[in-house]
Amino acid sequence: MHPVIARLLGLGHYGVTPPPAPGQARRTPIPNDMRGIAFEILKMKDYVLHFSGDPLVITTARKIVRMCPPKDLRCEQKHIFEWLKAHTRYVLDPRYREVLVTPARLLKEIAQYGVAQEDCDGLATLLATMLHALGHHVRFRFGGTKGIGIHHVWVRAWNGSRWVDMDLAEQLRYGQHKTFDFYMEEEI
């Protein structure tokens, strides 16, 4: 856990609650300030670390990249990213609520309905989890606007030579991201 986040939350590494069971969502009111952002980042990281070991996540990720040459990180990233772009849709959270659905639940929705719907933090968490399940080095990147604060998140992954941006919520191409006034990154 990043020391700033731990300090904002008043938690140690072991003071966090476990993620919900597969197929469950956690609906938690969070403060509308940096404490709330720190709480959300912590939950997103917990989900990536927990669900990247889920058999459904691992199996799905491996099926998607089966045609890539061995150790071709760029190919794996592009295949996972493009597959998720085709099977996800950005939606807002309910008003005045922050909802973070587990990656396993989102993959079940894709299997059942052909598409899963989530906001930027849920989509970024799903993408980061699938890449992490394949052994990729990933981080969350947050963008903000002066006077508003941090209001968007996407994934960056190491492709063997550089960090590459992947934003499912904005439906941008592999390697692109929107421009913000400031950025913050969080290692996973």
C-alpha atoms as a PDB file:
ATOM      1  CA  MET A   1       0.000   0.000   0.000  1.00  0.00           C
ATOM      2  CA  HIS A   2       1.264   3.450  -0.847  1.00  0.00           C
ATOM      3  CA  PRO A   3       2.312   5.287   2.358  1.00  0.00           C
ATOM      4  CA  VAL A   4       0.214   8.355   1.492  1.00  0.00           C
ATOM      5  CA  ILE A   5      -2.907   6.231   1.109  1.00  0.00           C
ATOM      6  CA  ALA A   6      -2.198   4.366   4.342  1.00  0.00           C
ATOM      7  CA  ARG A   7      -1.731   7.650   6.168  1.00  0.00           C
ATOM      8  CA  LEU A   8      -4.929   9.151   4.715  1.00  0.00           C
ATOM      9  CA  LEU A   9      -6.914   6.097   5.713  1.00  0.00           C
ATOM     10  CA  GLY A  10      -5.200   5.584   9.030  1.00  0.00           C
ATOM     11  CA  LEU A  11      -4.572   1.940   8.096  1.00  0.00           C
ATOM     12  CA  GLY A  12      -1.602  -0.361   8.063  1.00  0.00           C
ATOM     13  CA  HIS A  13      -0.984  -3.019   5.448  1.00  0.00           C
ATOM     14  CA  TYR A  14      -3.128  -5.498   7.353  1.00  0.00           C
ATOM     15  CA  GLY A  15      -5.917  -3.125   8.390  1.00  0.00           C
ATOM     16  CA  VAL A  16      -7.985  -3.509   5.237  1.00  0.00           C
ATOM     17  CA  THR A  17     -11.107  -5.574   4.833  1.00  0.00           C
ATOM     18  CA  PRO A  18     -10.990  -8.440   2.334  1.00  0.00           C
ATOM     19  CA  PRO A  19     -12.689  -7.965  -1.036  1.00  0.00           C
ATOM     20  CA  PRO A  20     -16.220  -9.313  -1.421  1.00  0.00           C
ATOM     21  CA  ALA A  21     -16.771 -12.866  -2.606  1.00  0.00           C
ATOM     22  CA  PRO A  22     -16.783 -13.482  -6.359  1.00  0.00           C
ATOM     23  CA  GLY A  23     -20.022 -12.257  -7.879  1.00  0.00           C
ATOM     24  CA  GLN A  24     -20.631  -9.712  -5.145  1.00  0.00           C
ATOM     25  CA  ALA A  25     -20.422  -5.926  -5.200  1.00  0.00           C
ATOM     26  CA  ARG A  26     -19.349  -3.671  -2.368  1.00  0.00           C
ATOM     27  CA  ARG A  27     -21.512  -0.596  -1.970  1.00  0.00           C
ATOM     28  CA  THR A  28     -19.784   1.728   0.425  1.00  0.00           C
ATOM     29  CA  PRO A  29     -20.453   5.406   0.939  1.00  0.00           C
ATOM     30  CA  ILE A  30     -17.099   7.143   0.737  1.00  0.00           C
ATOM     31  CA  PRO A  31     -16.076  10.683   1.624  1.00  0.00           C
ATOM     32  CA  ASN A  32     -16.078  13.135  -1.262  1.00  0.00           C
ATOM     33  CA  ASP A  33     -12.458  14.213  -0.722  1.00  0.00           C
ATOM     34  CA  MET A  34      -8.921  12.795  -0.823  1.00  0.00           C
ATOM     35  CA  ARG A  35      -9.846  10.267   1.897  1.00  0.00           C
ATOM     36  CA  GLY A  36     -12.526   8.889  -0.408  1.00  0.00           C
ATOM     37  CA  ILE A  37     -10.130   8.715  -3.336  1.00  0.00           C
ATOM     38  CA  ALA A  38      -7.543   6.953  -1.173  1.00  0.00           C
ATOM     39  CA  PHE A  39     -10.192   4.467  -0.017  1.00  0.00           C
ATOM     40  CA  GLU A  40     -11.235   3.747  -3.606  1.00  0.00           C
ATOM     41  CA  ILE A  41      -7.623   3.280  -4.758  1.00  0.00           C
ATOM     42  CA  LEU A  42      -7.011   0.848  -1.926  1.00  0.00           C
ATOM     43  CA  LYS A  43     -10.086  -1.212  -2.864  1.00  0.00           C
ATOM     44  CA  MET A  44      -9.090  -1.251  -6.541  1.00  0.00           C
ATOM     45  CA  LYS A  45      -5.599  -2.492  -5.687  1.00  0.00           C
ATOM     46  CA  ASP A  46      -7.017  -5.111  -3.312  1.00  0.00           C
ATOM     47  CA  TYR A  47      -9.302  -6.400  -6.072  1.00  0.00           C
ATOM     48  CA  VAL A  48      -6.434  -6.658  -8.566  1.00  0.00           C
ATOM     49  CA  LEU A  49      -4.230  -8.558  -6.124  1.00  0.00           C
ATOM     50  CA  HIS A  50      -7.040 -10.839  -4.972  1.00  0.00           C
ATOM     51  CA  PHE A  51      -8.877 -11.569  -8.225  1.00  0.00           C
ATOM     52  CA  SER A  52      -5.788 -11.942 -10.446  1.00  0.00           C
ATOM     53  CA  GLY A  53      -5.536 -15.381  -8.834  1.00  0.00           C
ATOM     54  CA  ASP A  54      -9.185 -16.262  -9.538  1.00  0.00           C
ATOM     55  CA  PRO A  55      -9.465 -19.271 -11.914  1.00  0.00           C
ATOM     56  CA  LEU A  56     -12.105 -17.519 -14.049  1.00  0.00           C
ATOM     57  CA  VAL A  57      -9.863 -14.472 -14.525  1.00  0.00           C
ATOM     58  CA  ILE A  58      -6.763 -16.542 -15.317  1.00  0.00           C
ATOM     59  CA  THR A  59      -8.592 -18.863 -17.728  1.00  0.00           C
ATOM     60  CA  THR A  60     -10.309 -15.998 -19.547  1.00  0.00           C
ATOM     61  CA  ALA A  61      -7.095 -14.000 -19.899  1.00  0.00           C
ATOM     62  CA  ARG A  62      -5.158 -17.022 -21.188  1.00  0.00           C
ATOM     63  CA  LYS A  63      -7.847 -17.849 -23.754  1.00  0.00           C
ATOM     64  CA  ILE A  64      -7.773 -14.301 -25.082  1.00  0.00           C
ATOM     65  CA  VAL A  65      -3.976 -14.260 -25.590  1.00  0.00           C
ATOM     66  CA  ARG A  66      -3.540 -17.855 -26.788  1.00  0.00           C
ATOM     67  CA  MET A  67      -2.533 -16.710 -30.309  1.00  0.00           C
ATOM     68  CA  CYS A  68       0.197 -14.335 -29.094  1.00  0.00           C
ATOM     69  CA  PRO A  69       3.830 -15.427 -29.341  1.00  0.00           C
ATOM     70  CA  PRO A  70       5.322 -16.410 -25.960  1.00  0.00           C
ATOM     71  CA  LYS A  71       6.527 -13.461 -23.850  1.00  0.00           C
ATOM     72  CA  ASP A  72       5.091 -10.892 -26.286  1.00  0.00           C
ATOM     73  CA  LEU A  73       3.770  -8.426 -23.688  1.00  0.00           C
ATOM     74  CA  ARG A  74       2.554  -5.927 -26.269  1.00  0.00           C
ATOM     75  CA  CYS A  75       0.521  -8.557 -28.104  1.00  0.00           C
ATOM     76  CA  GLU A  76      -1.027  -9.817 -24.864  1.00  0.00           C
ATOM     77  CA  GLN A  77      -1.874  -6.294 -23.726  1.00  0.00           C
ATOM     78  CA  LYS A  78      -3.452  -5.363 -27.046  1.00  0.00           C
ATOM     79  CA  HIS A  79      -5.509  -8.575 -27.181  1.00  0.00           C
ATOM     80  CA  ILE A  80      -6.815  -8.190 -23.611  1.00  0.00           C
ATOM     81  CA  PHE A  81      -7.516  -4.474 -24.164  1.00  0.00           C
ATOM     82  CA  GLU A  82      -9.321  -4.953 -27.490  1.00  0.00           C
ATOM     83  CA  TRP A  83     -11.347  -7.906 -26.173  1.00  0.00           C
ATOM     84  CA  LEU A  84     -12.471  -5.875 -23.163  1.00  0.00           C
ATOM     85  CA  LYS A  85     -13.286  -2.865 -25.378  1.00  0.00           C
ATOM     86  CA  ALA A  86     -15.592  -5.127 -27.381  1.00  0.00           C
ATOM     87  CA  HIS A  87     -17.235  -6.608 -24.256  1.00  0.00           C
ATOM     88  CA  THR A  88     -17.600  -3.652 -21.880  1.00  0.00           C
ATOM     89  CA  ARG A  89     -19.603  -0.459 -21.774  1.00  0.00           C
ATOM     90  CA  TYR A  90     -18.981   2.619 -19.668  1.00  0.00           C
ATOM     91  CA  VAL A  91     -21.811   3.686 -17.342  1.00  0.00           C
ATOM     92  CA  LEU A  92     -21.928   6.081 -14.415  1.00  0.00           C
ATOM     93  CA  ASP A  93     -22.235   4.894 -10.825  1.00  0.00           C
ATOM     94  CA  PRO A  94     -25.601   5.500  -9.166  1.00  0.00           C
ATOM     95  CA  ARG A  95     -25.888   9.106  -7.965  1.00  0.00           C
ATOM     96  CA  TYR A  96     -24.141   9.710  -4.633  1.00  0.00           C
ATOM     97  CA  ARG A  97     -22.848   6.114  -4.496  1.00  0.00           C
ATOM     98  CA  GLU A  98     -19.528   4.574  -5.336  1.00  0.00           C
ATOM     99  CA  VAL A  99     -19.866   1.009  -6.611  1.00  0.00           C
ATOM    100  CA  LEU A 100     -16.919  -1.247  -7.346  1.00  0.00           C
ATOM    101  CA  VAL A 101     -17.918  -4.596  -8.819  1.00  0.00           C
ATOM    102  CA  THR A 102     -15.461  -7.493  -8.666  1.00  0.00           C
ATOM    103  CA  PRO A 103     -13.600  -8.479 -11.843  1.00  0.00           C
ATOM    104  CA  ALA A 104     -14.978 -12.020 -11.531  1.00  0.00           C
ATOM    105  CA  ARG A 105     -18.538 -10.669 -11.484  1.00  0.00           C
ATOM    106  CA  LEU A 106     -17.861  -8.563 -14.585  1.00  0.00           C
ATOM    107  CA  LEU A 107     -16.454 -11.580 -16.459  1.00  0.00           C
ATOM    108  CA  LYS A 108     -19.574 -13.570 -15.507  1.00  0.00           C
ATOM    109  CA  GLU A 109     -21.733 -10.759 -16.892  1.00  0.00           C
ATOM    110  CA  ILE A 110     -19.760 -10.875 -20.142  1.00  0.00           C
ATOM    111  CA  ALA A 111     -20.247 -14.644 -20.345  1.00  0.00           C
ATOM    112  CA  GLN A 112     -23.976 -14.337 -19.638  1.00  0.00           C
ATOM    113  CA  TYR A 113     -24.942 -11.141 -21.511  1.00  0.00           C
ATOM    114  CA  GLY A 114     -22.030 -10.543 -23.887  1.00  0.00           C
ATOM    115  CA  VAL A 115     -21.208  -7.223 -22.205  1.00  0.00           C
ATOM    116  CA  ALA A 116     -20.424  -5.881 -18.742  1.00  0.00           C
ATOM    117  CA  GLN A 117     -21.202  -2.309 -17.734  1.00  0.00           C
ATOM    118  CA  GLU A 118     -19.105  -0.328 -15.243  1.00  0.00           C
ATOM    119  CA  ASP A 119     -17.622   3.084 -14.581  1.00  0.00           C
ATOM    120  CA  CYS A 120     -13.958   3.995 -15.136  1.00  0.00           C
ATOM    121  CA  ASP A 121     -12.679   2.571 -11.834  1.00  0.00           C
ATOM    122  CA  GLY A 122     -14.439  -0.766 -12.387  1.00  0.00           C
ATOM    123  CA  LEU A 123     -13.226  -1.023 -15.983  1.00  0.00           C
ATOM    124  CA  ALA A 124      -9.669  -0.096 -14.995  1.00  0.00           C
ATOM    125  CA  THR A 125      -9.751  -2.663 -12.188  1.00  0.00           C
ATOM    126  CA  LEU A 126     -10.961  -5.391 -14.562  1.00  0.00           C
ATOM    127  CA  LEU A 127      -8.251  -4.604 -17.141  1.00  0.00           C
ATOM    128  CA  ALA A 128      -5.498  -4.389 -14.514  1.00  0.00           C
ATOM    129  CA  THR A 129      -6.651  -7.674 -12.958  1.00  0.00           C
ATOM    130  CA  MET A 130      -6.584  -9.559 -16.251  1.00  0.00           C
ATOM    131  CA  LEU A 131      -3.136  -8.228 -17.162  1.00  0.00           C
ATOM    132  CA  HIS A 132      -1.841  -8.936 -13.646  1.00  0.00           C
ATOM    133  CA  ALA A 133      -3.159 -12.515 -13.963  1.00  0.00           C
ATOM    134  CA  LEU A 134      -0.813 -12.886 -16.951  1.00  0.00           C
ATOM    135  CA  GLY A 135       2.148 -11.534 -14.974  1.00  0.00           C
ATOM    136  CA  HIS A 136       2.169  -8.010 -16.428  1.00  0.00           C
ATOM    137  CA  HIS A 137       3.461  -5.076 -14.401  1.00  0.00           C
ATOM    138  CA  VAL A 138       0.512  -2.672 -14.140  1.00  0.00           C
ATOM    139  CA  ARG A 139      -0.385   0.567 -12.400  1.00  0.00           C
ATOM    140  CA  PHE A 140      -3.384   2.828 -12.138  1.00  0.00           C
ATOM    141  CA  ARG A 141      -3.108   6.320 -13.577  1.00  0.00           C
ATOM    142  CA  PHE A 142      -5.452   9.019 -12.349  1.00  0.00           C
ATOM    143  CA  GLY A 143      -6.247  12.254 -14.138  1.00  0.00           C
ATOM    144  CA  GLY A 144      -7.625  15.408 -12.611  1.00  0.00           C
ATOM    145  CA  THR A 145      -8.666  18.944 -13.337  1.00  0.00           C
ATOM    146  CA  LYS A 146      -7.779  22.032 -11.332  1.00  0.00           C
ATOM    147  CA  GLY A 147     -10.655  23.011  -9.077  1.00  0.00           C
ATOM    148  CA  ILE A 148     -12.346  19.608  -9.438  1.00  0.00           C
ATOM    149  CA  GLY A 149      -9.663  17.134  -8.414  1.00  0.00           C
ATOM    150  CA  ILE A 150      -9.085  13.564  -9.541  1.00  0.00           C
ATOM    151  CA  HIS A 151     -12.018  12.289 -11.580  1.00  0.00           C
ATOM    152  CA  HIS A 152     -10.761   9.630 -14.002  1.00  0.00           C
ATOM    153  CA  VAL A 153      -8.659   6.465 -13.851  1.00  0.00           C
ATOM    154  CA  TRP A 154      -7.173   4.119 -16.434  1.00  0.00           C
ATOM    155  CA  VAL A 155      -4.415   1.498 -16.618  1.00  0.00           C
ATOM    156  CA  ARG A 156      -0.768   1.725 -17.582  1.00  0.00           C
ATOM    157  CA  ALA A 157       1.184  -1.451 -18.306  1.00  0.00           C
ATOM    158  CA  TRP A 158       4.844  -2.109 -19.043  1.00  0.00           C
ATOM    159  CA  ASN A 159       5.197  -3.584 -22.533  1.00  0.00           C
ATOM    160  CA  GLY A 160       8.874  -4.480 -22.218  1.00  0.00           C
ATOM    161  CA  SER A 161      10.212  -1.103 -23.336  1.00  0.00           C
ATOM    162  CA  ARG A 162       7.789   1.576 -22.082  1.00  0.00           C
ATOM    163  CA  TRP A 163       4.623   2.249 -20.092  1.00  0.00           C
ATOM    164  CA  VAL A 164       1.502   2.078 -22.265  1.00  0.00           C
ATOM    165  CA  ASP A 165      -1.851   3.709 -21.456  1.00  0.00           C
ATOM    166  CA  MET A 166      -5.104   1.746 -21.828  1.00  0.00           C
ATOM    167  CA  ASP A 167      -8.425   3.451 -21.160  1.00  0.00           C
ATOM    168  CA  LEU A 168     -11.561   1.346 -21.575  1.00  0.00           C
ATOM    169  CA  ALA A 169     -13.940   4.066 -20.391  1.00  0.00           C
ATOM    170  CA  GLU A 170     -12.964   6.509 -23.128  1.00  0.00           C
ATOM    171  CA  GLN A 171     -12.716   3.848 -25.868  1.00  0.00           C
ATOM    172  CA  LEU A 172      -9.331   5.180 -26.949  1.00  0.00           C
ATOM    173  CA  ARG A 173      -6.764   3.198 -28.912  1.00  0.00           C
ATOM    174  CA  TYR A 174      -4.030   1.195 -27.195  1.00  0.00           C
ATOM    175  CA  GLY A 175      -1.414   3.678 -25.971  1.00  0.00           C
ATOM    176  CA  GLN A 176      -3.689   6.761 -25.846  1.00  0.00           C
ATOM    177  CA  HIS A 177      -5.184   8.731 -22.956  1.00  0.00           C
ATOM    178  CA  LYS A 178      -7.084  11.974 -22.453  1.00  0.00           C
ATOM    179  CA  THR A 179      -5.252  15.119 -21.386  1.00  0.00           C
ATOM    180  CA  PHE A 180      -5.724  16.330 -17.809  1.00  0.00           C
ATOM    181  CA  ASP A 181      -4.312  19.177 -15.735  1.00  0.00           C
ATOM    182  CA  PHE A 182      -2.488  16.763 -13.436  1.00  0.00           C
ATOM    183  CA  TYR A 183      -1.798  13.052 -13.025  1.00  0.00           C
ATOM    184  CA  MET A 184      -1.142  10.623 -10.206  1.00  0.00           C
ATOM    185  CA  GLU A 185       0.011   7.004 -10.505  1.00  0.00           C
ATOM    186  CA  GLU A 186      -0.374   4.117  -8.121  1.00  0.00           C
ATOM    187  CA  GLU A 187       1.708   0.951  -8.399  1.00  0.00           C
ATOM    188  CA  ILE A 188       0.016  -2.404  -7.993  1.00  0.00           C
END
